Amino acid sequence: MSIVPILKSRELIKVLLKAGFQIIRQTGSHVRLEHSTDPQRQTSVPQHGGFLPRWLLSAILKQAGISVSESRRLLGKK
């Protein structure tokens, strides 16, 4: 199992957009994203500033159906 990287919410949103998600709405400090070809794949990303805790990042990636290794590839990190 890969170690979950430490990311800011802005970076995670970029990863999700590259993976085919699109922003459907923003309510307060939370951004709601939906996959363009599979509307059942939805997730919400908090934008509170600073880094996201690893447990939260892991949960968001799991909910979006993206593996840790795929997220690293989309981010451009090894």
PDB file of N, CA and C in Angstrom:
ATOM      1  N   MET A   1       0.843  -1.180   0.000  1.00  0.00           N
ATOM      2  CA  MET A   1       0.000   0.000   0.000  1.00  0.00           C
ATOM      3  C   MET A   1       0.887   1.243   0.000  1.00  0.00           C
ATOM      4  N   SER A   2       0.554   2.180  -0.848  1.00  0.00           N
ATOM      5  CA  SER A   2       1.329   3.418  -0.949  1.00  0.00           C
ATOM      6  C   SER A   2       0.995   4.361   0.192  1.00  0.00           C
ATOM      7  N   ILE A   3       1.964   5.158   0.559  1.00  0.00           N
ATOM      8  CA  ILE A   3       1.745   6.163   1.592  1.00  0.00           C
ATOM      9  C   ILE A   3       1.002   7.336   0.966  1.00  0.00           C
ATOM     10  N   VAL A   4      -0.027   7.788   1.644  1.00  0.00           N
ATOM     11  CA  VAL A   4      -0.831   8.905   1.147  1.00  0.00           C
ATOM     12  C   VAL A   4      -0.002  10.181   1.235  1.00  0.00           C
ATOM     13  N   PRO A   5       0.104  10.934   0.141  1.00  0.00           N
ATOM     14  CA  PRO A   5       0.897  12.170   0.174  1.00  0.00           C
ATOM     15  C   PRO A   5       0.205  13.253   1.000  1.00  0.00           C
ATOM     16  N   ILE A   6       0.945  14.255   1.366  1.00  0.00           N
ATOM     17  CA  ILE A   6       0.378  15.403   2.069  1.00  0.00           C
ATOM     18  C   ILE A   6       0.083  16.468   1.018  1.00  0.00           C
ATOM     19  N   LEU A   7      -1.179  16.861   0.916  1.00  0.00           N
ATOM     20  CA  LEU A   7      -1.604  17.823  -0.103  1.00  0.00           C
ATOM     21  C   LEU A   7      -2.460  18.918   0.505  1.00  0.00           C
ATOM     22  N   LYS A   8      -2.481  20.046  -0.162  1.00  0.00           N
ATOM     23  CA  LYS A   8      -3.434  21.102   0.156  1.00  0.00           C
ATOM     24  C   LYS A   8      -4.696  20.827  -0.651  1.00  0.00           C
ATOM     25  N   SER A   9      -5.803  21.393  -0.234  1.00  0.00           N
ATOM     26  CA  SER A   9      -7.066  21.146  -0.927  1.00  0.00           C
ATOM     27  C   SER A   9      -7.006  21.589  -2.386  1.00  0.00           C
ATOM     28  N   ARG A  10      -6.305  22.675  -2.657  1.00  0.00           N
ATOM     29  CA  ARG A  10      -6.161  23.175  -4.029  1.00  0.00           C
ATOM     30  C   ARG A  10      -5.492  22.125  -4.922  1.00  0.00           C
ATOM     31  N   GLU A  11      -4.452  21.466  -4.377  1.00  0.00           N
ATOM     32  CA  GLU A  11      -3.740  20.429  -5.132  1.00  0.00           C
ATOM     33  C   GLU A  11      -4.632  19.210  -5.368  1.00  0.00           C
ATOM     34  N   LEU A  12      -5.417  18.837  -4.361  1.00  0.00           N
ATOM     35  CA  LEU A  12      -6.320  17.700  -4.501  1.00  0.00           C
ATOM     36  C   LEU A  12      -7.386  17.985  -5.554  1.00  0.00           C
ATOM     37  N   ILE A  13      -7.901  19.190  -5.577  1.00  0.00           N
ATOM     38  CA  ILE A  13      -8.906  19.550  -6.584  1.00  0.00           C
ATOM     39  C   ILE A  13      -8.302  19.457  -7.982  1.00  0.00           C
ATOM     40  N   LYS A  14      -7.050  19.871  -8.153  1.00  0.00           N
ATOM     41  CA  LYS A  14      -6.374  19.745  -9.454  1.00  0.00           C
ATOM     42  C   LYS A  14      -6.264  18.283  -9.870  1.00  0.00           C
ATOM     43  N   VAL A  15      -5.931  17.405  -8.916  1.00  0.00           N
ATOM     44  CA  VAL A  15      -5.836  15.970  -9.200  1.00  0.00           C
ATOM     45  C   VAL A  15      -7.195  15.441  -9.651  1.00  0.00           C
ATOM     46  N   LEU A  16      -8.247  15.820  -8.937  1.00  0.00           N
ATOM     47  CA  LEU A  16      -9.585  15.342  -9.279  1.00  0.00           C
ATOM     48  C   LEU A  16     -10.033  15.859 -10.645  1.00  0.00           C
ATOM     49  N   LEU A  17      -9.702  17.102 -10.961  1.00  0.00           N
ATOM     50  CA  LEU A  17     -10.056  17.653 -12.272  1.00  0.00           C
ATOM     51  C   LEU A  17      -9.332  16.903 -13.388  1.00  0.00           C
ATOM     52  N   LYS A  18      -8.060  16.562 -13.175  1.00  0.00           N
ATOM     53  CA  LYS A  18      -7.303  15.796 -14.171  1.00  0.00           C
ATOM     54  C   LYS A  18      -7.855  14.382 -14.321  1.00  0.00           C
ATOM     55  N   ALA A  19      -8.480  13.860 -13.271  1.00  0.00           N
ATOM     56  CA  ALA A  19      -9.038  12.505 -13.298  1.00  0.00           C
ATOM     57  C   ALA A  19     -10.427  12.468 -13.924  1.00  0.00           C
ATOM     58  N   GLY A  20     -10.912  13.604 -14.395  1.00  0.00           N
ATOM     59  CA  GLY A  20     -12.200  13.623 -15.081  1.00  0.00           C
ATOM     60  C   GLY A  20     -13.355  14.162 -14.260  1.00  0.00           C
ATOM     61  N   PHE A  21     -13.075  14.700 -13.099  1.00  0.00           N
ATOM     62  CA  PHE A  21     -14.128  15.290 -12.278  1.00  0.00           C
ATOM     63  C   PHE A  21     -14.347  16.734 -12.698  1.00  0.00           C
ATOM     64  N   GLN A  22     -15.517  17.257 -12.379  1.00  0.00           N
ATOM     65  CA  GLN A  22     -15.794  18.665 -12.625  1.00  0.00           C
ATOM     66  C   GLN A  22     -16.484  19.243 -11.396  1.00  0.00           C
ATOM     67  N   ILE A  23     -16.244  20.516 -11.165  1.00  0.00           N
ATOM     68  CA  ILE A  23     -16.847  21.191 -10.017  1.00  0.00           C
ATOM     69  C   ILE A  23     -18.310  21.444 -10.344  1.00  0.00           C
ATOM     70  N   ILE A  24     -19.205  20.964  -9.465  1.00  0.00           N
ATOM     71  CA  ILE A  24     -20.626  21.190  -9.707  1.00  0.00           C
ATOM     72  C   ILE A  24     -21.184  22.305  -8.827  1.00  0.00           C
ATOM     73  N   ARG A  25     -20.563  22.526  -7.677  1.00  0.00           N
ATOM     74  CA  ARG A  25     -20.983  23.661  -6.847  1.00  0.00           C
ATOM     75  C   ARG A  25     -19.983  23.863  -5.708  1.00  0.00           C
ATOM     76  N   GLN A  26     -20.062  25.038  -5.106  1.00  0.00           N
ATOM     77  CA  GLN A  26     -19.275  25.331  -3.913  1.00  0.00           C
ATOM     78  C   GLN A  26     -20.208  25.968  -2.908  1.00  0.00           C
ATOM     79  N   THR A  27     -20.259  25.383  -1.731  1.00  0.00           N
ATOM     80  CA  THR A  27     -21.081  25.910  -0.656  1.00  0.00           C
ATOM     81  C   THR A  27     -20.158  26.249   0.502  1.00  0.00           C
ATOM     82  N   GLY A  28     -20.015  27.520   0.785  1.00  0.00           N
ATOM     83  CA  GLY A  28     -19.107  27.931   1.849  1.00  0.00           C
ATOM     84  C   GLY A  28     -17.686  27.541   1.513  1.00  0.00           C
ATOM     85  N   SER A  29     -17.073  26.768   2.393  1.00  0.00           N
ATOM     86  CA  SER A  29     -15.678  26.387   2.185  1.00  0.00           C
ATOM     87  C   SER A  29     -15.538  24.952   1.675  1.00  0.00           C
ATOM     88  N   HIS A  30     -16.597  24.383   1.107  1.00  0.00           N
ATOM     89  CA  HIS A  30     -16.545  23.026   0.576  1.00  0.00           C
ATOM     90  C   HIS A  30     -16.866  23.037  -0.916  1.00  0.00           C
ATOM     91  N   VAL A  31     -16.038  22.329  -1.690  1.00  0.00           N
ATOM     92  CA  VAL A  31     -16.224  22.228  -3.135  1.00  0.00           C
ATOM     93  C   VAL A  31     -16.757  20.831  -3.436  1.00  0.00           C
ATOM     94  N   ARG A  32     -17.843  20.766  -4.180  1.00  0.00           N
ATOM     95  CA  ARG A  32     -18.465  19.494  -4.558  1.00  0.00           C
ATOM     96  C   ARG A  32     -18.074  19.166  -5.988  1.00  0.00           C
ATOM     97  N   LEU A  33     -17.540  17.955  -6.205  1.00  0.00           N
ATOM     98  CA  LEU A  33     -17.108  17.528  -7.530  1.00  0.00           C
ATOM     99  C   LEU A  33     -17.847  16.261  -7.935  1.00  0.00           C
ATOM    100  N   GLU A  34     -18.038  16.121  -9.258  1.00  0.00           N
ATOM    101  CA  GLU A  34     -18.727  14.963  -9.811  1.00  0.00           C
ATOM    102  C   GLU A  34     -17.956  14.503 -11.039  1.00  0.00           C
ATOM    103  N   HIS A  35     -17.865  13.182 -11.239  1.00  0.00           N
ATOM    104  CA  HIS A  35     -17.149  12.659 -12.404  1.00  0.00           C
ATOM    105  C   HIS A  35     -17.977  12.922 -13.657  1.00  0.00           C
ATOM    106  N   SER A  36     -17.307  13.310 -14.737  1.00  0.00           N
ATOM    107  CA  SER A  36     -18.007  13.720 -15.955  1.00  0.00           C
ATOM    108  C   SER A  36     -18.738  12.567 -16.646  1.00  0.00           C
ATOM    109  N   THR A  37     -18.233  11.339 -16.555  1.00  0.00           N
ATOM    110  CA  THR A  37     -18.895  10.220 -17.224  1.00  0.00           C
ATOM    111  C   THR A  37     -19.661   9.312 -16.273  1.00  0.00           C
ATOM    112  N   ASP A  38     -19.416   9.416 -14.978  1.00  0.00           N
ATOM    113  CA  ASP A  38     -20.092   8.584 -13.985  1.00  0.00           C
ATOM    114  C   ASP A  38     -20.589   9.466 -12.843  1.00  0.00           C
ATOM    115  N   PRO A  39     -21.821   9.975 -12.941  1.00  0.00           N
ATOM    116  CA  PRO A  39     -22.337  10.900 -11.920  1.00  0.00           C
ATOM    117  C   PRO A  39     -22.462  10.292 -10.523  1.00  0.00           C
ATOM    118  N   GLN A  40     -22.346   8.961 -10.417  1.00  0.00           N
ATOM    119  CA  GLN A  40     -22.392   8.327  -9.099  1.00  0.00           C
ATOM    120  C   GLN A  40     -21.109   8.576  -8.312  1.00  0.00           C
ATOM    121  N   ARG A  41     -20.028   8.921  -9.019  1.00  0.00           N
ATOM    122  CA  ARG A  41     -18.744   9.210  -8.367  1.00  0.00           C
ATOM    123  C   ARG A  41     -18.710  10.690  -8.007  1.00  0.00           C
ATOM    124  N   GLN A  42     -19.057  10.986  -6.765  1.00  0.00           N
ATOM    125  CA  GLN A  42     -19.069  12.360  -6.267  1.00  0.00           C
ATOM    126  C   GLN A  42     -18.245  12.429  -4.994  1.00  0.00           C
ATOM    127  N   THR A  43     -17.705  13.604  -4.747  1.00  0.00           N
ATOM    128  CA  THR A  43     -16.960  13.812  -3.507  1.00  0.00           C
ATOM    129  C   THR A  43     -16.974  15.294  -3.157  1.00  0.00           C
ATOM    130  N   SER A  44     -16.641  15.576  -1.937  1.00  0.00           N
ATOM    131  CA  SER A  44     -16.599  16.947  -1.445  1.00  0.00           C
ATOM    132  C   SER A  44     -15.216  17.203  -0.851  1.00  0.00           C
ATOM    133  N   VAL A  45     -14.637  18.375  -1.163  1.00  0.00           N
ATOM    134  CA  VAL A  45     -13.300  18.724  -0.676  1.00  0.00           C
ATOM    135  C   VAL A  45     -13.399  20.005   0.150  1.00  0.00           C
ATOM    136  N   PRO A  46     -12.981  19.966   1.425  1.00  0.00           N
ATOM    137  CA  PRO A  46     -12.995  21.181   2.240  1.00  0.00           C
ATOM    138  C   PRO A  46     -11.843  22.105   1.864  1.00  0.00           C
ATOM    139  N   GLN A  47     -12.095  23.400   1.868  1.00  0.00           N
ATOM    140  CA  GLN A  47     -11.052  24.390   1.580  1.00  0.00           C
ATOM    141  C   GLN A  47     -10.890  25.301   2.790  1.00  0.00           C
ATOM    142  N   HIS A  48     -10.199  24.788   3.801  1.00  0.00           N
ATOM    143  CA  HIS A  48     -10.011  25.556   5.025  1.00  0.00           C
ATOM    144  C   HIS A  48      -8.613  26.149   5.131  1.00  0.00           C
ATOM    145  N   GLY A  49      -7.793  25.962   4.113  1.00  0.00           N
ATOM    146  CA  GLY A  49      -6.410  26.433   4.176  1.00  0.00           C
ATOM    147  C   GLY A  49      -5.537  25.396   4.845  1.00  0.00           C
ATOM    148  N   GLY A  50      -4.288  25.413   4.532  1.00  0.00           N
ATOM    149  CA  GLY A  50      -3.370  24.436   5.111  1.00  0.00           C
ATOM    150  C   GLY A  50      -3.482  23.084   4.428  1.00  0.00           C
ATOM    151  N   PHE A  51      -2.845  22.096   5.027  1.00  0.00           N
ATOM    152  CA  PHE A  51      -2.804  20.756   4.457  1.00  0.00           C
ATOM    153  C   PHE A  51      -3.970  19.919   4.960  1.00  0.00           C
ATOM    154  N   LEU A  52      -4.419  18.994   4.103  1.00  0.00           N
ATOM    155  CA  LEU A  52      -5.480  18.069   4.497  1.00  0.00           C
ATOM    156  C   LEU A  52      -4.866  16.939   5.320  1.00  0.00           C
ATOM    157  N   PRO A  53      -5.541  16.496   6.374  1.00  0.00           N
ATOM    158  CA  PRO A  53      -5.039  15.338   7.120  1.00  0.00           C
ATOM    159  C   PRO A  53      -5.007  14.109   6.205  1.00  0.00           C
ATOM    160  N   ARG A  54      -4.056  13.226   6.430  1.00  0.00           N
ATOM    161  CA  ARG A  54      -3.917  12.045   5.563  1.00  0.00           C
ATOM    162  C   ARG A  54      -5.169  11.182   5.565  1.00  0.00           C
ATOM    163  N   TRP A  55      -5.818  11.037   6.721  1.00  0.00           N
ATOM    164  CA  TRP A  55      -7.011  10.195   6.787  1.00  0.00           C
ATOM    165  C   TRP A  55      -8.120  10.773   5.914  1.00  0.00           C
ATOM    166  N   LEU A  56      -8.234  12.101   5.870  1.00  0.00           N
ATOM    167  CA  LEU A  56      -9.266  12.743   5.065  1.00  0.00           C
ATOM    168  C   LEU A  56      -8.940  12.629   3.581  1.00  0.00           C
ATOM    169  N   LEU A  57      -7.693  12.842   3.227  1.00  0.00           N
ATOM    170  CA  LEU A  57      -7.264  12.710   1.835  1.00  0.00           C
ATOM    171  C   LEU A  57      -7.504  11.284   1.345  1.00  0.00           C
ATOM    172  N   SER A  58      -7.173  10.309   2.172  1.00  0.00           N
ATOM    173  CA  SER A  58      -7.389   8.910   1.825  1.00  0.00           C
ATOM    174  C   SER A  58      -8.876   8.618   1.613  1.00  0.00           C
ATOM    175  N   ALA A  59      -9.718   9.154   2.480  1.00  0.00           N
ATOM    176  CA  ALA A  59     -11.163   8.936   2.368  1.00  0.00           C
ATOM    177  C   ALA A  59     -11.729   9.582   1.101  1.00  0.00           C
ATOM    178  N   ILE A  60     -11.253  10.779   0.759  1.00  0.00           N
ATOM    179  CA  ILE A  60     -11.731  11.470  -0.444  1.00  0.00           C
ATOM    180  C   ILE A  60     -11.311  10.701  -1.693  1.00  0.00           C
ATOM    181  N   LEU A  61     -10.063  10.232  -1.740  1.00  0.00           N
ATOM    182  CA  LEU A  61      -9.595   9.455  -2.893  1.00  0.00           C
ATOM    183  C   LEU A  61     -10.387   8.159  -3.035  1.00  0.00           C
ATOM    184  N   LYS A  62     -10.661   7.500  -1.919  1.00  0.00           N
ATOM    185  CA  LYS A  62     -11.437   6.259  -1.947  1.00  0.00           C
ATOM    186  C   LYS A  62     -12.847   6.533  -2.457  1.00  0.00           C
ATOM    187  N   GLN A  63     -13.459   7.600  -1.981  1.00  0.00           N
ATOM    188  CA  GLN A  63     -14.803   7.968  -2.405  1.00  0.00           C
ATOM    189  C   GLN A  63     -14.833   8.298  -3.900  1.00  0.00           C
ATOM    190  N   ALA A  64     -13.765   8.894  -4.402  1.00  0.00           N
ATOM    191  CA  ALA A  64     -13.683   9.264  -5.815  1.00  0.00           C
ATOM    192  C   ALA A  64     -13.285   8.084  -6.696  1.00  0.00           C
ATOM    193  N   GLY A  65     -12.835   6.993  -6.095  1.00  0.00           N
ATOM    194  CA  GLY A  65     -12.425   5.827  -6.864  1.00  0.00           C
ATOM    195  C   GLY A  65     -11.055   5.980  -7.493  1.00  0.00           C
ATOM    196  N   ILE A  66     -10.170   6.726  -6.834  1.00  0.00           N
ATOM    197  CA  ILE A  66      -8.819   6.971  -7.338  1.00  0.00           C
ATOM    198  C   ILE A  66      -7.817   6.363  -6.359  1.00  0.00           C
ATOM    199  N   SER A  67      -6.870   5.600  -6.882  1.00  0.00           N
ATOM    200  CA  SER A  67      -5.848   5.001  -6.022  1.00  0.00           C
ATOM    201  C   SER A  67      -4.793   6.051  -5.665  1.00  0.00           C
ATOM    202  N   VAL A  68      -4.032   5.753  -4.635  1.00  0.00           N
ATOM    203  CA  VAL A  68      -2.972   6.667  -4.202  1.00  0.00           C
ATOM    204  C   VAL A  68      -1.919   6.800  -5.295  1.00  0.00           C
ATOM    205  N   SER A  69      -1.570   5.671  -5.929  1.00  0.00           N
ATOM    206  CA  SER A  69      -0.557   5.727  -6.994  1.00  0.00           C
ATOM    207  C   SER A  69      -1.058   6.531  -8.194  1.00  0.00           C
ATOM    208  N   GLU A  70      -2.344   6.412  -8.509  1.00  0.00           N
ATOM    209  CA  GLU A  70      -2.902   7.206  -9.614  1.00  0.00           C
ATOM    210  C   GLU A  70      -2.911   8.692  -9.262  1.00  0.00           C
ATOM    211  N   SER A  71      -3.204   9.015  -8.014  1.00  0.00           N
ATOM    212  CA  SER A  71      -3.205  10.426  -7.604  1.00  0.00           C
ATOM    213  C   SER A  71      -1.801  11.016  -7.693  1.00  0.00           C
ATOM    214  N   ARG A  72      -0.786  10.227  -7.327  1.00  0.00           N
ATOM    215  CA  ARG A  72       0.601  10.692  -7.445  1.00  0.00           C
ATOM    216  C   ARG A  72       0.967  10.923  -8.907  1.00  0.00           C
ATOM    217  N   ARG A  73       0.516  10.023  -9.797  1.00  0.00           N
ATOM    218  CA  ARG A  73       0.802  10.162 -11.227  1.00  0.00           C
ATOM    219  C   ARG A  73       0.140  11.424 -11.782  1.00  0.00           C
ATOM    220  N   LEU A  74      -1.109  11.663 -11.408  1.00  0.00           N
ATOM    221  CA  LEU A  74      -1.820  12.852 -11.880  1.00  0.00           C
ATOM    222  C   LEU A  74      -1.203  14.135 -11.338  1.00  0.00           C
ATOM    223  N   LEU A  75      -0.637  14.037 -10.145  1.00  0.00           N
ATOM    224  CA  LEU A  75      -0.004  15.194  -9.519  1.00  0.00           C
ATOM    225  C   LEU A  75       1.384  15.446 -10.094  1.00  0.00           C
ATOM    226  N   GLY A  76       1.973  14.412 -10.692  1.00  0.00           N
ATOM    227  CA  GLY A  76       3.306  14.546 -11.270  1.00  0.00           C
ATOM    228  C   GLY A  76       4.405  14.206 -10.291  1.00  0.00           C
ATOM    229  N   LYS A  77       4.052  13.545  -9.177  1.00  0.00           N
ATOM    230  CA  LYS A  77       5.048  13.132  -8.182  1.00  0.00           C
ATOM    231  C   LYS A  77       5.283  11.641  -8.315  1.00  0.00           C
ATOM    232  N   LYS A  78       6.454  11.195  -7.870  1.00  0.00           N
ATOM    233  CA  LYS A  78       6.780   9.766  -7.932  1.00  0.00           C
ATOM    234  C   LYS A  78       6.377   9.055  -6.682  1.00  0.00           C
TER     235      LYS A  78
END
